[in-house]
Amino acid sequence: EFVAAIRWSAGSTYYADSVKGRFTISRDNAKNTVYLQMNSLK
């Protein structure tokens, strides 16, 4: 199932309803790395 996505250039983010407000997707251009910060885990 889908959790989150990010458009690399624009930085636009998208989330599944089940994780919205708890998870954050981001990217670091210099490190070529995408992150998923997950808080309030269930």
Full PDB file with SEQRES, HELIX, SHEET, SSBOND, CRYST1, ORIGX, SCALE, CONECT and MASTER records, all heavy atoms in Angstrom:
SEQRES   1 A   42  GLU PHE VAL ALA ALA ILE ARG TRP SER ALA GLY SER THR          
SEQRES   2 A   42  TYR TYR ALA ASP SER VAL LYS GLY ARG PHE THR ILE SER          
SEQRES   3 A   42  ARG ASP ASN ALA LYS ASN THR VAL TYR LEU GLN MET ASN          
SEQRES   4 A   42  SER LEU LYS                                                  
SHEET    1 AA1 2 ALA A   4  ILE A   6  0                                        
SHEET    2 AA1 2 THR A  13  TYR A  15 -1                                        
SHEET    1 AA2 2 PHE A  23  ASP A  28  0                                        
SHEET    2 AA2 2 THR A  33  MET A  38 -1                                        
CRYST1    1.000    1.000    1.000  90.00  90.00  90.00 P 1           1          
ORIGX1      1.000000  0.000000  0.000000        0.00000                         
ORIGX2      0.000000  1.000000  0.000000        0.00000                         
ORIGX3      0.000000  0.000000  1.000000        0.00000                         
SCALE1      1.000000  0.000000  0.000000        0.00000                         
SCALE2      0.000000  1.000000  0.000000        0.00000                         
SCALE3      0.000000  0.000000  1.000000        0.00000                         
ATOM      1  N   GLU A   1       0.815  -1.206   0.000  1.00  0.00           N  
ATOM      2  CA  GLU A   1       0.000   0.000   0.000  1.00  0.00           C  
ATOM      3  C   GLU A   1       0.852   1.260   0.000  1.00  0.00           C  
ATOM      4  O   GLU A   1       1.960   1.285   0.535  1.00  0.00           O  
ATOM      5  CB  GLU A   1      -0.952   0.017   1.211  1.00  0.00           C  
ATOM      6  CG  GLU A   1      -0.265   0.111   2.548  1.00  0.00           C  
ATOM      7  CD  GLU A   1      -1.258   0.303   3.696  1.00  0.00           C  
ATOM      8  OE1 GLU A   1      -2.477   0.420   3.436  1.00  0.00           O  
ATOM      9  OE2 GLU A   1      -0.808   0.356   4.858  1.00  0.00           O  
ATOM     10  N   PHE A   2       0.293   2.283  -0.583  1.00  0.00           N  
ATOM     11  CA  PHE A   2       0.946   3.579  -0.667  1.00  0.00           C  
ATOM     12  C   PHE A   2       1.032   4.231   0.708  1.00  0.00           C  
ATOM     13  O   PHE A   2       0.076   4.190   1.494  1.00  0.00           O  
ATOM     14  CB  PHE A   2       0.153   4.475  -1.620  1.00  0.00           C  
ATOM     15  CG  PHE A   2       0.599   5.907  -1.649  1.00  0.00           C  
ATOM     16  CD1 PHE A   2       1.748   6.271  -2.333  1.00  0.00           C  
ATOM     17  CD2 PHE A   2      -0.132   6.887  -0.995  1.00  0.00           C  
ATOM     18  CE1 PHE A   2       2.160   7.584  -2.364  1.00  0.00           C  
ATOM     19  CE2 PHE A   2       0.263   8.207  -1.013  1.00  0.00           C  
ATOM     20  CZ  PHE A   2       1.408   8.559  -1.701  1.00  0.00           C  
ATOM     21  N   VAL A   3       2.179   4.846   0.981  1.00  0.00           N  
ATOM     22  CA  VAL A   3       2.357   5.576   2.233  1.00  0.00           C  
ATOM     23  C   VAL A   3       2.555   7.063   1.951  1.00  0.00           C  
ATOM     24  O   VAL A   3       1.831   7.901   2.490  1.00  0.00           O  
ATOM     25  CB  VAL A   3       3.571   5.032   3.017  1.00  0.00           C  
ATOM     26  CG1 VAL A   3       3.818   5.874   4.266  1.00  0.00           C  
ATOM     27  CG2 VAL A   3       3.363   3.567   3.381  1.00  0.00           C  
ATOM     28  N   ALA A   4       3.545   7.381   1.117  1.00  0.00           N  
ATOM     29  CA  ALA A   4       3.855   8.790   0.847  1.00  0.00           C  
ATOM     30  C   ALA A   4       4.686   8.878  -0.427  1.00  0.00           C  
ATOM     31  O   ALA A   4       5.307   7.898  -0.846  1.00  0.00           O  
ATOM     32  CB  ALA A   4       4.624   9.421   2.011  1.00  0.00           C  
ATOM     33  N   ALA A   5       4.691  10.071  -1.015  1.00  0.00           N  
ATOM     34  CA  ALA A   5       5.492  10.301  -2.211  1.00  0.00           C  
ATOM     35  C   ALA A   5       5.929  11.757  -2.266  1.00  0.00           C  
ATOM     36  O   ALA A   5       5.293  12.634  -1.661  1.00  0.00           O  
ATOM     37  CB  ALA A   5       4.709   9.938  -3.472  1.00  0.00           C  
ATOM     38  N   ILE A   6       7.004  11.987  -3.011  1.00  0.00           N  
ATOM     39  CA  ILE A   6       7.519  13.331  -3.186  1.00  0.00           C  
ATOM     40  C   ILE A   6       8.036  13.483  -4.612  1.00  0.00           C  
ATOM     41  O   ILE A   6       8.695  12.585  -5.137  1.00  0.00           O  
ATOM     42  CB  ILE A   6       8.633  13.639  -2.148  1.00  0.00           C  
ATOM     43  CG1 ILE A   6       9.089  15.090  -2.245  1.00  0.00           C  
ATOM     44  CG2 ILE A   6       9.812  12.677  -2.301  1.00  0.00           C  
ATOM     45  CD1 ILE A   6       9.958  15.531  -1.063  1.00  0.00           C  
ATOM     46  N   ARG A   7       7.706  14.588  -5.230  1.00  0.00           N  
ATOM     47  CA  ARG A   7       8.257  14.898  -6.550  1.00  0.00           C  
ATOM     48  C   ARG A   7       9.618  15.554  -6.302  1.00  0.00           C  
ATOM     49  O   ARG A   7       9.690  16.596  -5.633  1.00  0.00           O  
ATOM     50  CB  ARG A   7       7.343  15.829  -7.316  1.00  0.00           C  
ATOM     51  CG  ARG A   7       5.965  15.234  -7.582  1.00  0.00           C  
ATOM     52  CD  ARG A   7       5.198  16.083  -8.564  1.00  0.00           C  
ATOM     53  NE  ARG A   7       3.779  15.753  -8.607  1.00  0.00           N  
ATOM     54  CZ  ARG A   7       3.244  14.798  -9.332  1.00  0.00           C  
ATOM     55  NH1 ARG A   7       4.019  14.040 -10.103  1.00  0.00           N  
ATOM     56  NH2 ARG A   7       1.930  14.589  -9.304  1.00  0.00           N  
ATOM     57  N   TRP A   8      10.667  14.943  -6.851  1.00  0.00           N  
ATOM     58  CA  TRP A   8      12.006  15.343  -6.448  1.00  0.00           C  
ATOM     59  C   TRP A   8      12.278  16.817  -6.721  1.00  0.00           C  
ATOM     60  O   TRP A   8      12.792  17.534  -5.883  1.00  0.00           O  
ATOM     61  CB  TRP A   8      13.042  14.476  -7.171  1.00  0.00           C  
ATOM     62  CG  TRP A   8      14.383  14.587  -6.514  1.00  0.00           C  
ATOM     63  CD1 TRP A   8      15.225  15.660  -6.533  1.00  0.00           C  
ATOM     64  CD2 TRP A   8      15.027  13.589  -5.720  1.00  0.00           C  
ATOM     65  NE1 TRP A   8      16.345  15.384  -5.799  1.00  0.00           N  
ATOM     66  CE2 TRP A   8      16.255  14.136  -5.295  1.00  0.00           C  
ATOM     67  CE3 TRP A   8      14.677  12.303  -5.336  1.00  0.00           C  
ATOM     68  CZ2 TRP A   8      17.142  13.423  -4.493  1.00  0.00           C  
ATOM     69  CZ3 TRP A   8      15.571  11.594  -4.536  1.00  0.00           C  
ATOM     70  CH2 TRP A   8      16.777  12.147  -4.127  1.00  0.00           C  
ATOM     71  N   SER A   9      11.938  17.295  -7.914  1.00  0.00           N  
ATOM     72  CA  SER A   9      12.262  18.679  -8.266  1.00  0.00           C  
ATOM     73  C   SER A   9      11.404  19.684  -7.509  1.00  0.00           C  
ATOM     74  O   SER A   9      11.920  20.607  -6.883  1.00  0.00           O  
ATOM     75  CB  SER A   9      12.085  18.887  -9.771  1.00  0.00           C  
ATOM     76  OG  SER A   9      13.058  18.183 -10.487  1.00  0.00           O  
ATOM     77  N   ALA A  10      10.104  19.480  -7.567  1.00  0.00           N  
ATOM     78  CA  ALA A  10       9.183  20.460  -6.988  1.00  0.00           C  
ATOM     79  C   ALA A  10       9.092  20.340  -5.472  1.00  0.00           C  
ATOM     80  O   ALA A  10       8.739  21.310  -4.796  1.00  0.00           O  
ATOM     81  CB  ALA A  10       7.806  20.302  -7.603  1.00  0.00           C  
ATOM     82  N   GLY A  11       9.336  19.143  -4.959  1.00  0.00           N  
ATOM     83  CA  GLY A  11       9.195  18.929  -3.531  1.00  0.00           C  
ATOM     84  C   GLY A  11       7.767  18.723  -3.074  1.00  0.00           C  
ATOM     85  O   GLY A  11       7.508  18.669  -1.869  1.00  0.00           O  
ATOM     86  N   SER A  12       6.847  18.601  -4.025  1.00  0.00           N  
ATOM     87  CA  SER A  12       5.445  18.362  -3.665  1.00  0.00           C  
ATOM     88  C   SER A  12       5.318  17.008  -2.975  1.00  0.00           C  
ATOM     89  O   SER A  12       5.933  16.033  -3.395  1.00  0.00           O  
ATOM     90  CB  SER A  12       4.576  18.366  -4.925  1.00  0.00           C  
ATOM     91  OG  SER A  12       4.802  19.512  -5.697  1.00  0.00           O  
ATOM     92  N   THR A  13       4.506  16.971  -1.935  1.00  0.00           N  
ATOM     93  CA  THR A  13       4.361  15.738  -1.159  1.00  0.00           C  
ATOM     94  C   THR A  13       2.917  15.249  -1.150  1.00  0.00           C  
ATOM     95  O   THR A  13       1.975  16.044  -1.265  1.00  0.00           O  
ATOM     96  CB  THR A  13       4.839  15.952   0.278  1.00  0.00           C  
ATOM     97  OG1 THR A  13       4.085  17.015   0.872  1.00  0.00           O  
ATOM     98  CG2 THR A  13       6.316  16.301   0.327  1.00  0.00           C  
ATOM     99  N   TYR A  14       2.787  13.947  -0.986  1.00  0.00           N  
ATOM    100  CA  TYR A  14       1.481  13.288  -0.997  1.00  0.00           C  
ATOM    101  C   TYR A  14       1.499  12.209   0.074  1.00  0.00           C  
ATOM    102  O   TYR A  14       2.513  11.542   0.261  1.00  0.00           O  
ATOM    103  CB  TYR A  14       1.213  12.661  -2.373  1.00  0.00           C  
ATOM    104  CG  TYR A  14       1.368  13.637  -3.498  1.00  0.00           C  
ATOM    105  CD1 TYR A  14       2.622  13.941  -4.022  1.00  0.00           C  
ATOM    106  CD2 TYR A  14       0.266  14.271  -4.042  1.00  0.00           C  
ATOM    107  CE1 TYR A  14       2.782  14.850  -5.041  1.00  0.00           C  
ATOM    108  CE2 TYR A  14       0.409  15.192  -5.078  1.00  0.00           C  
ATOM    109  CZ  TYR A  14       1.670  15.475  -5.568  1.00  0.00           C  
ATOM    110  OH  TYR A  14       1.807  16.381  -6.583  1.00  0.00           O  
ATOM    111  N   TYR A  15       0.365  12.031   0.745  1.00  0.00           N  
ATOM    112  CA  TYR A  15       0.302  11.071   1.843  1.00  0.00           C  
ATOM    113  C   TYR A  15      -0.977  10.251   1.794  1.00  0.00           C  
ATOM    114  O   TYR A  15      -2.029  10.726   1.366  1.00  0.00           O  
ATOM    115  CB  TYR A  15       0.344  11.814   3.186  1.00  0.00           C  
ATOM    116  CG  TYR A  15       1.632  12.563   3.432  1.00  0.00           C  
ATOM    117  CD1 TYR A  15       1.736  13.909   3.129  1.00  0.00           C  
ATOM    118  CD2 TYR A  15       2.741  11.909   3.974  1.00  0.00           C  
ATOM    119  CE1 TYR A  15       2.919  14.606   3.336  1.00  0.00           C  
ATOM    120  CE2 TYR A  15       3.924  12.591   4.185  1.00  0.00           C  
ATOM    121  CZ  TYR A  15       4.008  13.937   3.871  1.00  0.00           C  
ATOM    122  OH  TYR A  15       5.177  14.613   4.073  1.00  0.00           O  
ATOM    123  N   ALA A  16      -0.861   9.028   2.273  1.00  0.00           N  
ATOM    124  CA  ALA A  16      -2.056   8.240   2.522  1.00  0.00           C  
ATOM    125  C   ALA A  16      -2.784   8.848   3.714  1.00  0.00           C  
ATOM    126  O   ALA A  16      -2.150   9.379   4.640  1.00  0.00           O  
ATOM    127  CB  ALA A  16      -1.675   6.792   2.817  1.00  0.00           C  
ATOM    128  N   ASP A  17      -4.090   8.749   3.709  1.00  0.00           N  
ATOM    129  CA  ASP A  17      -4.873   9.323   4.807  1.00  0.00           C  
ATOM    130  C   ASP A  17      -4.466   8.730   6.157  1.00  0.00           C  
ATOM    131  O   ASP A  17      -4.503   9.416   7.183  1.00  0.00           O  
ATOM    132  CB  ASP A  17      -6.368   9.076   4.570  1.00  0.00           C  
ATOM    133  CG  ASP A  17      -6.922   9.930   3.441  1.00  0.00           C  
ATOM    134  OD1 ASP A  17      -6.264  10.918   3.060  1.00  0.00           O  
ATOM    135  OD2 ASP A  17      -8.021   9.602   2.947  1.00  0.00           O  
ATOM    136  N   SER A  18      -4.074   7.466   6.144  1.00  0.00           N  
ATOM    137  CA  SER A  18      -3.762   6.775   7.394  1.00  0.00           C  
ATOM    138  C   SER A  18      -2.498   7.301   8.075  1.00  0.00           C  
ATOM    139  O   SER A  18      -2.293   7.051   9.264  1.00  0.00           O  
ATOM    140  CB  SER A  18      -3.616   5.281   7.128  1.00  0.00           C  
ATOM    141  OG  SER A  18      -2.587   5.034   6.192  1.00  0.00           O  
ATOM    142  N   VAL A  19      -1.649   8.018   7.334  1.00  0.00           N  
ATOM    143  CA  VAL A  19      -0.401   8.504   7.919  1.00  0.00           C  
ATOM    144  C   VAL A  19      -0.313  10.030   7.949  1.00  0.00           C  
ATOM    145  O   VAL A  19       0.637  10.583   8.520  1.00  0.00           O  
ATOM    146  CB  VAL A  19       0.822   7.931   7.180  1.00  0.00           C  
ATOM    147  CG1 VAL A  19       0.748   6.407   7.108  1.00  0.00           C  
ATOM    148  CG2 VAL A  19       0.984   8.537   5.794  1.00  0.00           C  
ATOM    149  N   LYS A  20      -1.288  10.687   7.351  1.00  0.00           N  
ATOM    150  CA  LYS A  20      -1.244  12.149   7.263  1.00  0.00           C  
ATOM    151  C   LYS A  20      -1.204  12.749   8.661  1.00  0.00           C  
ATOM    152  O   LYS A  20      -1.965  12.360   9.548  1.00  0.00           O  
ATOM    153  CB  LYS A  20      -2.475  12.640   6.497  1.00  0.00           C  
ATOM    154  CG  LYS A  20      -2.335  14.009   5.888  1.00  0.00           C  
ATOM    155  CD  LYS A  20      -3.521  14.315   4.977  1.00  0.00           C  
ATOM    156  CE  LYS A  20      -3.544  13.416   3.768  1.00  0.00           C  
ATOM    157  NZ  LYS A  20      -4.655  13.756   2.838  1.00  0.00           N  
ATOM    158  N   GLY A  21      -0.287  13.688   8.863  1.00  0.00           N  
ATOM    159  CA  GLY A  21      -0.144  14.321  10.164  1.00  0.00           C  
ATOM    160  C   GLY A  21       0.832  13.610  11.083  1.00  0.00           C  
ATOM    161  O   GLY A  21       1.240  14.158  12.108  1.00  0.00           O  
ATOM    162  N   ARG A  22       1.199  12.376  10.728  1.00  0.00           N  
ATOM    163  CA  ARG A  22       2.150  11.616  11.552  1.00  0.00           C  
ATOM    164  C   ARG A  22       3.471  11.366  10.816  1.00  0.00           C  
ATOM    165  O   ARG A  22       4.529  11.318  11.455  1.00  0.00           O  
ATOM    166  CB  ARG A  22       1.545  10.268  11.945  1.00  0.00           C  
ATOM    167  CG  ARG A  22       0.269  10.373  12.756  1.00  0.00           C  
ATOM    168  CD  ARG A  22      -0.161   8.997  13.276  1.00  0.00           C  
ATOM    169  NE  ARG A  22      -0.489   8.060  12.195  1.00  0.00           N  
ATOM    170  CZ  ARG A  22       0.117   6.895  12.027  1.00  0.00           C  
ATOM    171  NH1 ARG A  22       1.063   6.494  12.862  1.00  0.00           N  
ATOM    172  NH2 ARG A  22      -0.239   6.087  11.017  1.00  0.00           N  
ATOM    173  N   PHE A  23       3.406  11.185   9.507  1.00  0.00           N  
ATOM    174  CA  PHE A  23       4.597  10.890   8.712  1.00  0.00           C  
ATOM    175  C   PHE A  23       4.958  12.099   7.859  1.00  0.00           C  
ATOM    176  O   PHE A  23       4.074  12.851   7.418  1.00  0.00           O  
ATOM    177  CB  PHE A  23       4.342   9.708   7.778  1.00  0.00           C  
ATOM    178  CG  PHE A  23       4.209   8.369   8.457  1.00  0.00           C  
ATOM    179  CD1 PHE A  23       4.088   8.241   9.836  1.00  0.00           C  
ATOM    180  CD2 PHE A  23       4.208   7.206   7.702  1.00  0.00           C  
ATOM    181  CE1 PHE A  23       3.951   7.007  10.453  1.00  0.00           C  
ATOM    182  CE2 PHE A  23       4.088   5.965   8.289  1.00  0.00           C  
ATOM    183  CZ  PHE A  23       3.953   5.869   9.663  1.00  0.00           C  
ATOM    184  N   THR A  24       6.258  12.254   7.610  1.00  0.00           N  
ATOM    185  CA  THR A  24       6.739  13.326   6.754  1.00  0.00           C  
ATOM    186  C   THR A  24       7.776  12.777   5.790  1.00  0.00           C  
ATOM    187  O   THR A  24       8.756  12.175   6.223  1.00  0.00           O  
ATOM    188  CB  THR A  24       7.361  14.465   7.559  1.00  0.00           C  
ATOM    189  OG1 THR A  24       6.402  14.971   8.507  1.00  0.00           O  
ATOM    190  CG2 THR A  24       7.791  15.604   6.646  1.00  0.00           C  
ATOM    191  N   ILE A  25       7.563  12.995   4.501  1.00  0.00           N  
ATOM    192  CA  ILE A  25       8.538  12.597   3.491  1.00  0.00           C  
ATOM    193  C   ILE A  25       9.330  13.829   3.086  1.00  0.00           C  
ATOM    194  O   ILE A  25       8.782  14.931   2.975  1.00  0.00           O  
ATOM    195  CB  ILE A  25       7.842  11.940   2.269  1.00  0.00           C  
ATOM    196  CG1 ILE A  25       8.870  11.353   1.308  1.00  0.00           C  
ATOM    197  CG2 ILE A  25       6.908  12.924   1.569  1.00  0.00           C  
ATOM    198  CD1 ILE A  25       8.255  10.497   0.200  1.00  0.00           C  
ATOM    199  N   SER A  26      10.630  13.623   2.878  1.00  0.00           N  
ATOM    200  CA  SER A  26      11.494  14.735   2.463  1.00  0.00           C  
ATOM    201  C   SER A  26      12.645  14.177   1.653  1.00  0.00           C  
ATOM    202  O   SER A  26      12.847  12.967   1.582  1.00  0.00           O  
ATOM    203  CB  SER A  26      12.011  15.487   3.686  1.00  0.00           C  
ATOM    204  OG  SER A  26      12.803  14.642   4.499  1.00  0.00           O  
ATOM    205  N   ARG A  27      13.414  15.064   1.016  1.00  0.00           N  
ATOM    206  CA  ARG A  27      14.577  14.617   0.267  1.00  0.00           C  
ATOM    207  C   ARG A  27      15.729  15.587   0.467  1.00  0.00           C  
ATOM    208  O   ARG A  27      15.519  16.782   0.695  1.00  0.00           O  
ATOM    209  CB  ARG A  27      14.267  14.392  -1.217  1.00  0.00           C  
ATOM    210  CG  ARG A  27      14.324  15.598  -2.164  1.00  0.00           C  
ATOM    211  CD  ARG A  27      13.435  16.527  -2.138  1.00  0.00           C  
ATOM    212  NE  ARG A  27      13.315  17.501  -3.176  1.00  0.00           N  
ATOM    213  CZ  ARG A  27      13.142  18.751  -2.845  1.00  0.00           C  
ATOM    214  NH1 ARG A  27      13.203  19.115  -1.593  1.00  0.00           N  
ATOM    215  NH2 ARG A  27      12.909  19.634  -3.784  1.00  0.00           N  
ATOM    216  N   ASP A  28      16.921  15.024   0.380  1.00  0.00           N  
ATOM    217  CA  ASP A  28      18.151  15.798   0.491  1.00  0.00           C  
ATOM    218  C   ASP A  28      18.858  15.698  -0.856  1.00  0.00           C  
ATOM    219  O   ASP A  28      19.376  14.646  -1.214  1.00  0.00           O  
ATOM    220  CB  ASP A  28      19.018  15.224   1.613  1.00  0.00           C  
ATOM    221  CG  ASP A  28      20.275  16.056   1.851  1.00  0.00           C  
ATOM    222  OD1 ASP A  28      20.847  16.585   0.877  1.00  0.00           O  
ATOM    223  OD2 ASP A  28      20.693  16.143   3.011  1.00  0.00           O  
ATOM    224  N   ASN A  29      18.859  16.792  -1.582  1.00  0.00           N  
ATOM    225  CA  ASN A  29      19.433  16.773  -2.935  1.00  0.00           C  
ATOM    226  C   ASN A  29      20.923  16.443  -2.911  1.00  0.00           C  
ATOM    227  O   ASN A  29      21.420  15.697  -3.750  1.00  0.00           O  
ATOM    228  CB  ASN A  29      19.225  18.122  -3.613  1.00  0.00           C  
ATOM    229  CG  ASN A  29      17.777  18.359  -3.964  1.00  0.00           C  
ATOM    230  OD1 ASN A  29      17.020  17.424  -4.181  1.00  0.00           O  
ATOM    231  ND2 ASN A  29      17.375  19.615  -4.009  1.00  0.00           N  
ATOM    232  N   ALA A  30      21.632  16.986  -1.964  1.00  0.00           N  
ATOM    233  CA  ALA A  30      23.080  16.790  -1.901  1.00  0.00           C  
ATOM    234  C   ALA A  30      23.445  15.333  -1.637  1.00  0.00           C  
ATOM    235  O   ALA A  30      24.450  14.835  -2.135  1.00  0.00           O  
ATOM    236  CB  ALA A  30      23.678  17.692  -0.829  1.00  0.00           C  
ATOM    237  N   LYS A  31      22.613  14.659  -0.851  1.00  0.00           N  
ATOM    238  CA  LYS A  31      22.901  13.264  -0.486  1.00  0.00           C  
ATOM    239  C   LYS A  31      22.143  12.270  -1.361  1.00  0.00           C  
ATOM    240  O   LYS A  31      22.306  11.060  -1.185  1.00  0.00           O  
ATOM    241  CB  LYS A  31      22.551  13.021   0.976  1.00  0.00           C  
ATOM    242  CG  LYS A  31      23.393  13.830   1.951  1.00  0.00           C  
ATOM    243  CD  LYS A  31      23.046  13.498   3.389  1.00  0.00           C  
ATOM    244  CE  LYS A  31      23.927  14.269   4.355  1.00  0.00           C  
ATOM    245  NZ  LYS A  31      23.597  13.967   5.766  1.00  0.00           N  
ATOM    246  N   ASN A  32      21.309  12.766  -2.261  1.00  0.00           N  
ATOM    247  CA  ASN A  32      20.488  11.882  -3.094  1.00  0.00           C  
ATOM    248  C   ASN A  32      19.717  10.884  -2.238  1.00  0.00           C  
ATOM    249  O   ASN A  32      19.671   9.671  -2.539  1.00  0.00           O  
ATOM    250  CB  ASN A  32      21.362  11.127  -4.096  1.00  0.00           C  
ATOM    251  CG  ASN A  32      21.121  11.589  -5.519  1.00  0.00           C  
ATOM    252  OD1 ASN A  32      20.597  12.673  -5.750  1.00  0.00           O  
ATOM    253  ND2 ASN A  32      21.498  10.763  -6.475  1.00  0.00           N  
ATOM    254  N   THR A  33      19.133  11.385  -1.187  1.00  0.00           N  
ATOM    255  CA  THR A  33      18.461  10.520  -0.214  1.00  0.00           C  
ATOM    256  C   THR A  33      17.055  11.041   0.072  1.00  0.00           C  
ATOM    257  O   THR A  33      16.848  12.247   0.176  1.00  0.00           O  
ATOM    258  CB  THR A  33      19.274  10.443   1.092  1.00  0.00           C  
ATOM    259  OG1 THR A  33      20.565   9.891   0.800  1.00  0.00           O  
ATOM    260  CG2 THR A  33      18.574   9.578   2.129  1.00  0.00           C  
ATOM    261  N   VAL A  34      16.137  10.114   0.187  1.00  0.00           N  
ATOM    262  CA  VAL A  34      14.763  10.416   0.562  1.00  0.00           C  
ATOM    263  C   VAL A  34      14.523   9.860   1.957  1.00  0.00           C  
ATOM    264  O   VAL A  34      14.985   8.763   2.277  1.00  0.00           O  
ATOM    265  CB  VAL A  34      13.770   9.798  -0.436  1.00  0.00           C  
ATOM    266  CG1 VAL A  34      12.329  10.050   0.005  1.00  0.00           C  
ATOM    267  CG2 VAL A  34      14.003  10.370  -1.827  1.00  0.00           C  
ATOM    268  N   TYR A  35      13.805  10.608   2.759  1.00  0.00           N  
ATOM    269  CA  TYR A  35      13.546  10.212   4.140  1.00  0.00           C  
ATOM    270  C   TYR A  35      12.044  10.057   4.380  1.00  0.00           C  
ATOM    271  O   TYR A  35      11.223  10.700   3.727  1.00  0.00           O  
ATOM    272  CB  TYR A  35      14.088  11.268   5.111  1.00  0.00           C  
ATOM    273  CG  TYR A  35      15.563  11.520   4.967  1.00  0.00           C  
ATOM    274  CD1 TYR A  35      16.037  12.621   4.254  1.00  0.00           C  
ATOM    275  CD2 TYR A  35      16.494  10.659   5.545  1.00  0.00           C  
ATOM    276  CE1 TYR A  35      17.388  12.859   4.117  1.00  0.00           C  
ATOM    277  CE2 TYR A  35      17.855  10.890   5.420  1.00  0.00           C  
ATOM    278  CZ  TYR A  35      18.290  11.992   4.704  1.00  0.00           C  
ATOM    279  OH  TYR A  35      19.643  12.215   4.572  1.00  0.00           O  
ATOM    280  N   LEU A  36      11.733   9.218   5.344  1.00  0.00           N  
ATOM    281  CA  LEU A  36      10.363   9.116   5.836  1.00  0.00           C  
ATOM    282  C   LEU A  36      10.429   9.183   7.354  1.00  0.00           C  
ATOM    283  O   LEU A  36      10.858   8.230   8.001  1.00  0.00           O  
ATOM    284  CB  LEU A  36       9.691   7.817   5.386  1.00  0.00           C  
ATOM    285  CG  LEU A  36       8.214   7.702   5.764  1.00  0.00           C  
ATOM    286  CD1 LEU A  36       7.383   8.725   4.981  1.00  0.00           C  
ATOM    287  CD2 LEU A  36       7.684   6.294   5.511  1.00  0.00           C  
ATOM    288  N   GLN A  37      10.068  10.334   7.884  1.00  0.00           N  
ATOM    289  CA  GLN A  37      10.008  10.506   9.338  1.00  0.00           C  
ATOM    290  C   GLN A  37       8.652  10.024   9.813  1.00  0.00           C  
ATOM    291  O   GLN A  37       7.621  10.541   9.365  1.00  0.00           O  
ATOM    292  CB  GLN A  37      10.210  11.979   9.709  1.00  0.00           C  
ATOM    293  CG  GLN A  37      10.108  12.258  11.201  1.00  0.00           C  
ATOM    294  CD  GLN A  37      11.223  11.614  11.999  1.00  0.00           C  
ATOM    295  OE1 GLN A  37      12.384  11.661  11.604  1.00  0.00           O  
ATOM    296  NE2 GLN A  37      10.872  11.012  13.129  1.00  0.00           N  
ATOM    297  N   MET A  38       8.673   9.053  10.713  1.00  0.00           N  
ATOM    298  CA  MET A  38       7.432   8.450  11.187  1.00  0.00           C  
ATOM    299  C   MET A  38       7.293   8.704  12.687  1.00  0.00           C  
ATOM    300  O   MET A  38       8.132   8.253  13.470  1.00  0.00           O  
ATOM    301  CB  MET A  38       7.442   6.938  10.902  1.00  0.00           C  
ATOM    302  CG  MET A  38       7.711   6.597   9.451  1.00  0.00           C  
ATOM    303  SD  MET A  38       7.543   4.839   9.089  1.00  0.00           S  
ATOM    304  CE  MET A  38       8.882   4.176  10.064  1.00  0.00           C  
ATOM    305  N   ASN A  39       6.270   9.448  13.056  1.00  0.00           N  
ATOM    306  CA  ASN A  39       5.997   9.770  14.455  1.00  0.00           C  
ATOM    307  C   ASN A  39       4.673   9.157  14.894  1.00  0.00           C  
ATOM    308  O   ASN A  39       3.851   8.768  14.059  1.00  0.00           O  
ATOM    309  CB  ASN A  39       5.952  11.288  14.639  1.00  0.00           C  
ATOM    310  CG  ASN A  39       7.258  11.964  14.305  1.00  0.00           C  
ATOM    311  OD1 ASN A  39       8.347  11.399  14.467  1.00  0.00           O  
ATOM    312  ND2 ASN A  39       7.183  13.192  13.818  1.00  0.00           N  
ATOM    313  N   SER A  40       4.477   9.100  16.184  1.00  0.00           N  
ATOM    314  CA  SER A  40       3.229   8.565  16.747  1.00  0.00           C  
ATOM    315  C   SER A  40       2.869   7.231  16.108  1.00  0.00           C  
ATOM    316  O   SER A  40       1.731   7.000  15.680  1.00  0.00           O  
ATOM    317  CB  SER A  40       2.085   9.572  16.538  1.00  0.00           C  
ATOM    318  OG  SER A  40       2.395  10.813  17.130  1.00  0.00           O  
ATOM    319  N   LEU A  41       3.840   6.344  16.071  1.00  0.00           N  
ATOM    320  CA  LEU A  41       3.645   5.066  15.395  1.00  0.00           C  
ATOM    321  C   LEU A  41       2.589   4.216  16.101  1.00  0.00           C  
ATOM    322  O   LEU A  41       2.465   4.235  17.332  1.00  0.00           O  
ATOM    323  CB  LEU A  41       4.963   4.323  15.303  1.00  0.00           C  
ATOM    324  CG  LEU A  41       5.903   4.856  14.205  1.00  0.00           C  
ATOM    325  CD1 LEU A  41       7.339   4.410  14.440  1.00  0.00           C  
ATOM    326  CD2 LEU A  41       5.423   4.405  12.837  1.00  0.00           C  
ATOM    327  N   LYS A  42       1.866   3.468  15.270  1.00  0.00           N  
ATOM    328  CA  LYS A  42       0.811   2.582  15.752  1.00  0.00           C  
ATOM    329  C   LYS A  42       1.129   1.154  15.325  1.00  0.00           C  
ATOM    330  O   LYS A  42       1.902   0.935  14.384  1.00  0.00           O  
ATOM    331  CB  LYS A  42      -0.531   3.002  15.152  1.00  0.00           C  
ATOM    332  CG  LYS A  42      -0.904   4.452  15.381  1.00  0.00           C  
ATOM    333  CD  LYS A  42      -2.192   4.794  14.646  1.00  0.00           C  
ATOM    334  CE  LYS A  42      -2.573   6.250  14.824  1.00  0.00           C  
ATOM    335  NZ  LYS A  42      -3.821   6.593  14.102  1.00  0.00           N  
TER     336      LYS A  42                                                      
MASTER        0    0    0    0    4    0    0    6  335    1    0    4          
END                                                                             
